[in-house]
Amino acid sequence: MNYNWNWAVLFQEPYMGWLISGLGWTVAVSLCAWVVAFVIGALIGVGRTVNNRPISFLCTAYVELFRNVPLLVQLFVWYFAVPELVPEGLGQWMKRGMPMPEFTTTVIALGLYTASRVAEQVRAGIESIPKGLKSAARANGLSGTQMYRYILLPISFRLIVPPLTSEFLTVFKNSSLALTIGLLELTAQSQQIADYTYNSFEAFTAATVIYIFIALVVTGLMQIIETRTAIPGQSGKAA
């Protein structure tokens, strides 16, 4: 059976609009999830290094739980199970009243999952700092909070830019799983084009090219950040 090639279908309406819409949802959900991941991941990463056993234990438990459960399972749990476990009124709101439930659920699930990975990068960055700097901070009378604020975090965040770049790119790739709960992001729109036109190769090639373009843009921006924040004499690879 011969395949009917038709690249022009990608430039026809509504298919071009679907691709643009899918790209918009992919970027939106990825950036929002990254904000969640970075903020929570930084807090958890710091918590794993503090000299407080309960806090360290809770942060470690968070990392082990969210990092070792597949993201797809977490998406299903947040979307299908959590509304059934919370009080009925809240559950009904989550299922019917919450604005854009597919988008919100993806941001929460992807953000919390990625936060566990960001936390490990932050922890590794802090622990890679020579102990002499910590001793010097204490000798100069800095409190624990001041030591993290003025010494440990500024240095560690500059060290972990390269691994954070990988995590940032992974967020964009993992956002494709949102199609399983009905979010029409890029992969879902490509599948929809393939279903309507039977031009599967063209549809998914377009999606591939767009993902590559996103990766190149993100990598270029992060390389600029890495160059400007690099510490002389440090490789910048904390993990």
C-alpha atoms as a PDB file:
ATOM      1  CA  MET A   1       0.000   0.000   0.000  1.00  0.00           C
ATOM      2  CA  ASN A   2       1.460   3.342  -1.078  1.00  0.00           C
ATOM      3  CA  TYR A   3       1.625   6.244   1.369  1.00  0.00           C
ATOM      4  CA  ASN A   4       0.082   9.481   0.098  1.00  0.00           C
ATOM      5  CA  TRP A   5       2.603  12.198   0.937  1.00  0.00           C
ATOM      6  CA  ASN A   6       1.074  15.630   1.476  1.00  0.00           C
ATOM      7  CA  TRP A   7       3.286  18.149   3.257  1.00  0.00           C
ATOM      8  CA  ALA A   8       0.969  20.968   2.205  1.00  0.00           C
ATOM      9  CA  VAL A   9      -1.619  19.766   4.714  1.00  0.00           C
ATOM     10  CA  LEU A  10       0.474  21.280   7.501  1.00  0.00           C
ATOM     11  CA  PHE A  11      -0.060  24.761   6.068  1.00  0.00           C
ATOM     12  CA  GLN A  12      -3.803  24.422   5.637  1.00  0.00           C
ATOM     13  CA  GLU A  13      -6.477  25.507   8.081  1.00  0.00           C
ATOM     14  CA  PRO A  14      -7.407  24.372  10.622  1.00  0.00           C
ATOM     15  CA  TYR A  15      -4.297  22.178  10.874  1.00  0.00           C
ATOM     16  CA  MET A  16      -1.764  25.012  10.985  1.00  0.00           C
ATOM     17  CA  GLY A  17      -3.863  26.625  13.707  1.00  0.00           C
ATOM     18  CA  TRP A  18      -3.892  23.383  15.642  1.00  0.00           C
ATOM     19  CA  LEU A  19      -0.097  23.197  15.594  1.00  0.00           C
ATOM     20  CA  ILE A  20       0.224  26.804  16.742  1.00  0.00           C
ATOM     21  CA  SER A  21      -2.331  26.229  19.496  1.00  0.00           C
ATOM     22  CA  GLY A  22      -0.522  23.066  20.583  1.00  0.00           C
ATOM     23  CA  LEU A  23       2.778  24.909  20.705  1.00  0.00           C
ATOM     24  CA  GLY A  24       1.194  27.619  22.846  1.00  0.00           C
ATOM     25  CA  TRP A  25      -0.163  25.102  25.350  1.00  0.00           C
ATOM     26  CA  THR A  26       3.170  23.241  25.449  1.00  0.00           C
ATOM     27  CA  VAL A  27       5.101  26.422  26.213  1.00  0.00           C
ATOM     28  CA  ALA A  28       2.538  27.650  28.746  1.00  0.00           C
ATOM     29  CA  VAL A  29       2.324  24.421  30.721  1.00  0.00           C
ATOM     30  CA  SER A  30       6.100  23.911  30.631  1.00  0.00           C
ATOM     31  CA  LEU A  31       6.956  27.411  31.858  1.00  0.00           C
ATOM     32  CA  CYS A  32       4.334  27.316  34.624  1.00  0.00           C
ATOM     33  CA  ALA A  33       5.478  23.860  35.713  1.00  0.00           C
ATOM     34  CA  TRP A  34       9.088  25.047  35.713  1.00  0.00           C
ATOM     35  CA  VAL A  35       8.253  27.927  38.060  1.00  0.00           C
ATOM     36  CA  VAL A  36       6.619  25.450  40.453  1.00  0.00           C
ATOM     37  CA  ALA A  37       9.541  23.035  40.095  1.00  0.00           C
ATOM     38  CA  PHE A  38      12.237  25.642  40.613  1.00  0.00           C
ATOM     39  CA  VAL A  39      10.667  27.266  43.683  1.00  0.00           C
ATOM     40  CA  ILE A  40       9.723  24.026  45.442  1.00  0.00           C
ATOM     41  CA  GLY A  41      12.861  22.225  44.267  1.00  0.00           C
ATOM     42  CA  ALA A  42      15.088  24.961  45.685  1.00  0.00           C
ATOM     43  CA  LEU A  43      13.323  24.798  49.050  1.00  0.00           C
ATOM     44  CA  ILE A  44      13.464  20.993  49.184  1.00  0.00           C
ATOM     45  CA  GLY A  45      17.107  20.975  48.089  1.00  0.00           C
ATOM     46  CA  VAL A  46      18.048  23.398  50.831  1.00  0.00           C
ATOM     47  CA  GLY A  47      15.989  21.397  53.318  1.00  0.00           C
ATOM     48  CA  ARG A  48      18.002  18.287  52.555  1.00  0.00           C
ATOM     49  CA  THR A  49      21.224  20.035  53.596  1.00  0.00           C
ATOM     50  CA  VAL A  50      20.154  21.774  56.798  1.00  0.00           C
ATOM     51  CA  ASN A  51      21.239  20.487  60.180  1.00  0.00           C
ATOM     52  CA  ASN A  52      17.700  19.602  61.229  1.00  0.00           C
ATOM     53  CA  ARG A  53      16.761  15.942  61.140  1.00  0.00           C
ATOM     54  CA  PRO A  54      12.952  16.238  60.822  1.00  0.00           C
ATOM     55  CA  ILE A  55      13.206  18.762  57.986  1.00  0.00           C
ATOM     56  CA  SER A  56      15.929  16.791  56.243  1.00  0.00           C
ATOM     57  CA  PHE A  57      13.892  13.579  56.578  1.00  0.00           C
ATOM     58  CA  LEU A  58      10.720  15.146  55.165  1.00  0.00           C
ATOM     59  CA  CYS A  59      12.594  16.665  52.226  1.00  0.00           C
ATOM     60  CA  THR A  60      14.326  13.363  51.491  1.00  0.00           C
ATOM     61  CA  ALA A  61      10.985  11.552  51.645  1.00  0.00           C
ATOM     62  CA  TYR A  62       9.535  14.048  49.163  1.00  0.00           C
ATOM     63  CA  VAL A  63      12.379  13.469  46.719  1.00  0.00           C
ATOM     64  CA  GLU A  64      12.190   9.695  46.964  1.00  0.00           C
ATOM     65  CA  LEU A  65       8.404   9.664  46.546  1.00  0.00           C
ATOM     66  CA  PHE A  66       8.027  12.041  43.605  1.00  0.00           C
ATOM     67  CA  ARG A  67      11.208  11.028  41.794  1.00  0.00           C
ATOM     68  CA  ASN A  68      10.520   7.286  41.858  1.00  0.00           C
ATOM     69  CA  VAL A  69       6.842   7.293  40.852  1.00  0.00           C
ATOM     70  CA  PRO A  70       6.400   7.607  37.056  1.00  0.00           C
ATOM     71  CA  LEU A  71       5.089  10.978  35.930  1.00  0.00           C
ATOM     72  CA  LEU A  72       2.229   9.357  34.021  1.00  0.00           C
ATOM     73  CA  VAL A  73       1.004   7.686  37.215  1.00  0.00           C
ATOM     74  CA  GLN A  74       1.239  10.997  39.075  1.00  0.00           C
ATOM     75  CA  LEU A  75      -0.796  12.713  36.354  1.00  0.00           C
ATOM     76  CA  PHE A  76      -3.536  10.098  36.672  1.00  0.00           C
ATOM     77  CA  VAL A  77      -3.488  10.311  40.473  1.00  0.00           C
ATOM     78  CA  TRP A  78      -3.878  14.096  40.453  1.00  0.00           C
ATOM     79  CA  TYR A  79      -6.517  14.094  37.723  1.00  0.00           C
ATOM     80  CA  PHE A  80      -8.635  11.036  38.568  1.00  0.00           C
ATOM     81  CA  ALA A  81      -7.906  10.022  42.172  1.00  0.00           C
ATOM     82  CA  VAL A  82      -7.356  13.212  44.169  1.00  0.00           C
ATOM     83  CA  PRO A  83     -10.825  14.692  43.388  1.00  0.00           C
ATOM     84  CA  GLU A  84     -12.338  11.498  44.802  1.00  0.00           C
ATOM     85  CA  LEU A  85     -10.239  11.581  47.980  1.00  0.00           C
ATOM     86  CA  VAL A  86     -10.824  15.183  49.062  1.00  0.00           C
ATOM     87  CA  PRO A  87     -14.129  16.421  50.581  1.00  0.00           C
ATOM     88  CA  GLU A  88     -17.023  16.133  48.145  1.00  0.00           C
ATOM     89  CA  GLY A  89     -17.502  19.853  47.592  1.00  0.00           C
ATOM     90  CA  LEU A  90     -13.829  20.384  46.785  1.00  0.00           C
ATOM     91  CA  GLY A  91     -13.788  17.290  44.598  1.00  0.00           C
ATOM     92  CA  GLN A  92     -16.763  18.519  42.565  1.00  0.00           C
ATOM     93  CA  TRP A  93     -15.065  21.878  42.108  1.00  0.00           C
ATOM     94  CA  MET A  94     -11.853  20.209  40.964  1.00  0.00           C
ATOM     95  CA  LYS A  95     -13.757  18.148  38.390  1.00  0.00           C
ATOM     96  CA  ARG A  96     -16.250  20.738  37.138  1.00  0.00           C
ATOM     97  CA  GLY A  97     -15.576  24.194  38.556  1.00  0.00           C
ATOM     98  CA  MET A  98     -11.805  24.542  38.402  1.00  0.00           C
ATOM     99  CA  PRO A  99     -10.740  26.618  35.386  1.00  0.00           C
ATOM    100  CA  MET A 100      -8.803  24.595  32.809  1.00  0.00           C
ATOM    101  CA  PRO A 101      -8.528  21.428  34.972  1.00  0.00           C
ATOM    102  CA  GLU A 102      -6.320  19.597  32.448  1.00  0.00           C
ATOM    103  CA  PHE A 103      -3.860  22.502  32.323  1.00  0.00           C
ATOM    104  CA  THR A 104      -3.849  23.052  36.092  1.00  0.00           C
ATOM    105  CA  THR A 105      -3.426  19.351  36.836  1.00  0.00           C
ATOM    106  CA  THR A 106      -0.522  19.048  34.417  1.00  0.00           C
ATOM    107  CA  VAL A 107       1.229  22.074  35.908  1.00  0.00           C
ATOM    108  CA  ILE A 108       0.875  20.661  39.429  1.00  0.00           C
ATOM    109  CA  ALA A 109       1.907  17.097  38.567  1.00  0.00           C
ATOM    110  CA  LEU A 110       4.771  18.063  36.262  1.00  0.00           C
ATOM    111  CA  GLY A 111       5.944  20.813  38.604  1.00  0.00           C
ATOM    112  CA  LEU A 112       6.033  18.618  41.706  1.00  0.00           C
ATOM    113  CA  TYR A 113       7.693  15.755  39.828  1.00  0.00           C
ATOM    114  CA  THR A 114      10.387  17.996  38.371  1.00  0.00           C
ATOM    115  CA  ALA A 115      10.876  19.694  41.749  1.00  0.00           C
ATOM    116  CA  SER A 116      12.218  16.426  43.133  1.00  0.00           C
ATOM    117  CA  ARG A 117      14.872  16.422  40.411  1.00  0.00           C
ATOM    118  CA  VAL A 118      15.704  20.103  40.842  1.00  0.00           C
ATOM    119  CA  ALA A 119      16.050  19.495  44.581  1.00  0.00           C
ATOM    120  CA  GLU A 120      18.785  16.952  43.935  1.00  0.00           C
ATOM    121  CA  GLN A 121      20.654  19.437  41.733  1.00  0.00           C
ATOM    122  CA  VAL A 122      20.419  22.108  44.433  1.00  0.00           C
ATOM    123  CA  ARG A 123      21.542  19.671  47.124  1.00  0.00           C
ATOM    124  CA  ALA A 124      24.495  18.567  45.008  1.00  0.00           C
ATOM    125  CA  GLY A 125      25.431  22.166  44.306  1.00  0.00           C
ATOM    126  CA  ILE A 126      25.420  23.103  47.990  1.00  0.00           C
ATOM    127  CA  GLU A 127      27.379  20.010  49.019  1.00  0.00           C
ATOM    128  CA  SER A 128      29.999  20.639  46.317  1.00  0.00           C
ATOM    129  CA  ILE A 129      30.993  23.939  47.961  1.00  0.00           C
ATOM    130  CA  PRO A 130      34.218  23.570  49.972  1.00  0.00           C
ATOM    131  CA  LYS A 131      33.628  23.196  53.684  1.00  0.00           C
ATOM    132  CA  GLY A 132      36.184  25.920  54.292  1.00  0.00           C
ATOM    133  CA  LEU A 133      33.720  28.535  53.063  1.00  0.00           C
ATOM    134  CA  LYS A 134      31.118  27.330  55.538  1.00  0.00           C
ATOM    135  CA  SER A 135      33.637  27.413  58.373  1.00  0.00           C
ATOM    136  CA  ALA A 136      34.719  30.910  57.345  1.00  0.00           C
ATOM    137  CA  ALA A 137      31.088  32.060  57.325  1.00  0.00           C
ATOM    138  CA  ARG A 138      30.554  30.761  60.835  1.00  0.00           C
ATOM    139  CA  ALA A 139      33.843  32.281  61.992  1.00  0.00           C
ATOM    140  CA  ASN A 140      32.647  35.659  60.746  1.00  0.00           C
ATOM    141  CA  GLY A 141      29.486  35.389  62.798  1.00  0.00           C
ATOM    142  CA  LEU A 142      26.987  34.616  60.033  1.00  0.00           C
ATOM    143  CA  SER A 143      23.854  32.788  61.065  1.00  0.00           C
ATOM    144  CA  GLY A 144      22.703  29.683  59.216  1.00  0.00           C
ATOM    145  CA  THR A 145      20.159  31.693  57.225  1.00  0.00           C
ATOM    146  CA  GLN A 146      22.749  34.332  56.321  1.00  0.00           C
ATOM    147  CA  MET A 147      25.233  31.669  55.273  1.00  0.00           C
ATOM    148  CA  TYR A 148      22.711  30.167  52.852  1.00  0.00           C
ATOM    149  CA  ARG A 149      21.549  33.563  51.589  1.00  0.00           C
ATOM    150  CA  TYR A 150      24.905  35.215  51.000  1.00  0.00           C
ATOM    151  CA  ILE A 151      27.287  32.315  50.326  1.00  0.00           C
ATOM    152  CA  LEU A 152      25.883  28.846  49.693  1.00  0.00           C
ATOM    153  CA  LEU A 153      22.908  29.586  47.448  1.00  0.00           C
ATOM    154  CA  PRO A 154      24.534  32.247  45.216  1.00  0.00           C
ATOM    155  CA  ILE A 155      27.480  29.936  44.541  1.00  0.00           C
ATOM    156  CA  SER A 156      25.507  26.707  44.180  1.00  0.00           C
ATOM    157  CA  PHE A 157      22.966  28.168  41.757  1.00  0.00           C
ATOM    158  CA  ARG A 158      25.804  29.345  39.520  1.00  0.00           C
ATOM    159  CA  LEU A 159      27.366  25.888  39.639  1.00  0.00           C
ATOM    160  CA  ILE A 160      24.216  24.001  38.674  1.00  0.00           C
ATOM    161  CA  VAL A 161      23.160  25.984  35.601  1.00  0.00           C
ATOM    162  CA  PRO A 162      24.188  23.134  33.195  1.00  0.00           C
ATOM    163  CA  PRO A 163      22.188  20.382  34.948  1.00  0.00           C
ATOM    164  CA  LEU A 164      19.269  22.770  35.382  1.00  0.00           C
ATOM    165  CA  THR A 165      19.339  23.283  31.622  1.00  0.00           C
ATOM    166  CA  SER A 166      18.748  19.557  31.163  1.00  0.00           C
ATOM    167  CA  GLU A 167      15.875  19.616  33.636  1.00  0.00           C
ATOM    168  CA  PHE A 168      14.338  22.640  31.888  1.00  0.00           C
ATOM    169  CA  LEU A 169      14.440  20.814  28.553  1.00  0.00           C
ATOM    170  CA  THR A 170      12.981  17.699  30.169  1.00  0.00           C
ATOM    171  CA  VAL A 171       9.966  19.702  31.334  1.00  0.00           C
ATOM    172  CA  PHE A 172       9.110  20.527  27.710  1.00  0.00           C
ATOM    173  CA  LYS A 173       9.452  16.898  26.668  1.00  0.00           C
ATOM    174  CA  ASN A 174       7.477  15.555  29.622  1.00  0.00           C
ATOM    175  CA  SER A 175       4.649  17.995  28.916  1.00  0.00           C
ATOM    176  CA  SER A 176       3.648  15.700  26.042  1.00  0.00           C
ATOM    177  CA  LEU A 177       2.164  13.302  28.611  1.00  0.00           C
ATOM    178  CA  ALA A 178      -0.585  15.855  29.196  1.00  0.00           C
ATOM    179  CA  LEU A 179      -2.376  14.450  26.151  1.00  0.00           C
ATOM    180  CA  THR A 180      -3.370  11.451  28.289  1.00  0.00           C
ATOM    181  CA  ILE A 181      -5.688  13.653  30.376  1.00  0.00           C
ATOM    182  CA  GLY A 182      -7.038  15.680  27.469  1.00  0.00           C
ATOM    183  CA  LEU A 183      -4.771  18.729  27.213  1.00  0.00           C
ATOM    184  CA  LEU A 184      -4.366  19.581  23.529  1.00  0.00           C
ATOM    185  CA  GLU A 185      -0.687  20.405  23.599  1.00  0.00           C
ATOM    186  CA  LEU A 186       1.669  19.892  20.668  1.00  0.00           C
ATOM    187  CA  THR A 187       1.778  16.088  20.632  1.00  0.00           C
ATOM    188  CA  ALA A 188      -1.995  15.815  21.069  1.00  0.00           C
ATOM    189  CA  GLN A 189      -2.615  18.271  18.236  1.00  0.00           C
ATOM    190  CA  SER A 190      -0.233  16.326  16.000  1.00  0.00           C
ATOM    191  CA  GLN A 191      -2.146  13.148  16.783  1.00  0.00           C
ATOM    192  CA  GLN A 192      -5.383  14.952  16.000  1.00  0.00           C
ATOM    193  CA  ILE A 193      -4.035  16.105  12.628  1.00  0.00           C
ATOM    194  CA  ALA A 194      -2.950  12.547  11.865  1.00  0.00           C
ATOM    195  CA  ASP A 195      -6.419  11.239  12.753  1.00  0.00           C
ATOM    196  CA  TYR A 196      -8.169  13.762  10.532  1.00  0.00           C
ATOM    197  CA  THR A 197      -5.853  13.644   7.516  1.00  0.00           C
ATOM    198  CA  TYR A 198      -4.168  10.206   7.747  1.00  0.00           C
ATOM    199  CA  ASN A 199      -0.862  12.033   7.169  1.00  0.00           C
ATOM    200  CA  SER A 200       0.774  10.754  10.326  1.00  0.00           C
ATOM    201  CA  PHE A 201       4.353  11.114   9.151  1.00  0.00           C
ATOM    202  CA  GLU A 202       3.922  14.766   8.223  1.00  0.00           C
ATOM    203  CA  ALA A 203       2.088  15.619  11.450  1.00  0.00           C
ATOM    204  CA  PHE A 204       4.632  14.058  13.780  1.00  0.00           C
ATOM    205  CA  THR A 205       7.563  15.333  11.730  1.00  0.00           C
ATOM    206  CA  ALA A 206       6.206  18.835  12.269  1.00  0.00           C
ATOM    207  CA  ALA A 207       5.969  18.183  16.006  1.00  0.00           C
ATOM    208  CA  THR A 208       9.525  16.830  16.027  1.00  0.00           C
ATOM    209  CA  VAL A 209      10.876  19.911  14.268  1.00  0.00           C
ATOM    210  CA  ILE A 210       9.063  22.199  16.708  1.00  0.00           C
ATOM    211  CA  TYR A 211      10.424  20.294  19.735  1.00  0.00           C
ATOM    212  CA  ILE A 212      13.936  20.534  18.292  1.00  0.00           C
ATOM    213  CA  PHE A 213      13.461  24.267  17.766  1.00  0.00           C
ATOM    214  CA  ILE A 214      12.338  24.678  21.387  1.00  0.00           C
ATOM    215  CA  ALA A 215      15.362  22.696  22.584  1.00  0.00           C
ATOM    216  CA  LEU A 216      17.752  24.841  20.559  1.00  0.00           C
ATOM    217  CA  VAL A 217      16.227  28.071  21.851  1.00  0.00           C
ATOM    218  CA  VAL A 218      16.302  26.899  25.477  1.00  0.00           C
ATOM    219  CA  THR A 219      19.858  25.608  25.153  1.00  0.00           C
ATOM    220  CA  GLY A 220      21.022  28.875  23.580  1.00  0.00           C
ATOM    221  CA  LEU A 221      19.447  30.977  26.328  1.00  0.00           C
ATOM    222  CA  MET A 222      20.849  28.787  29.084  1.00  0.00           C
ATOM    223  CA  GLN A 223      24.330  28.887  27.530  1.00  0.00           C
ATOM    224  CA  ILE A 224      24.196  32.673  27.706  1.00  0.00           C
ATOM    225  CA  ILE A 225      23.176  32.464  31.361  1.00  0.00           C
ATOM    226  CA  GLU A 226      25.901  29.898  32.049  1.00  0.00           C
ATOM    227  CA  THR A 227      28.564  32.099  30.434  1.00  0.00           C
ATOM    228  CA  ARG A 228      27.525  35.139  32.442  1.00  0.00           C
ATOM    229  CA  THR A 229      27.256  33.306  35.763  1.00  0.00           C
ATOM    230  CA  ALA A 230      30.261  30.994  35.443  1.00  0.00           C
ATOM    231  CA  ILE A 231      32.685  31.007  38.360  1.00  0.00           C
ATOM    232  CA  PRO A 232      36.334  31.184  37.232  1.00  0.00           C
ATOM    233  CA  GLY A 233      38.086  27.896  37.876  1.00  0.00           C
ATOM    234  CA  GLN A 234      34.839  25.948  38.290  1.00  0.00           C
ATOM    235  CA  SER A 235      33.487  23.506  35.715  1.00  0.00           C
ATOM    236  CA  GLY A 236      29.879  24.298  36.587  1.00  0.00           C
ATOM    237  CA  LYS A 237      28.994  20.620  36.794  1.00  0.00           C
ATOM    238  CA  ALA A 238      27.745  19.978  40.279  1.00  0.00           C
ATOM    239  CA  ALA A 239      25.795  16.868  39.464  1.00  0.00           C
END
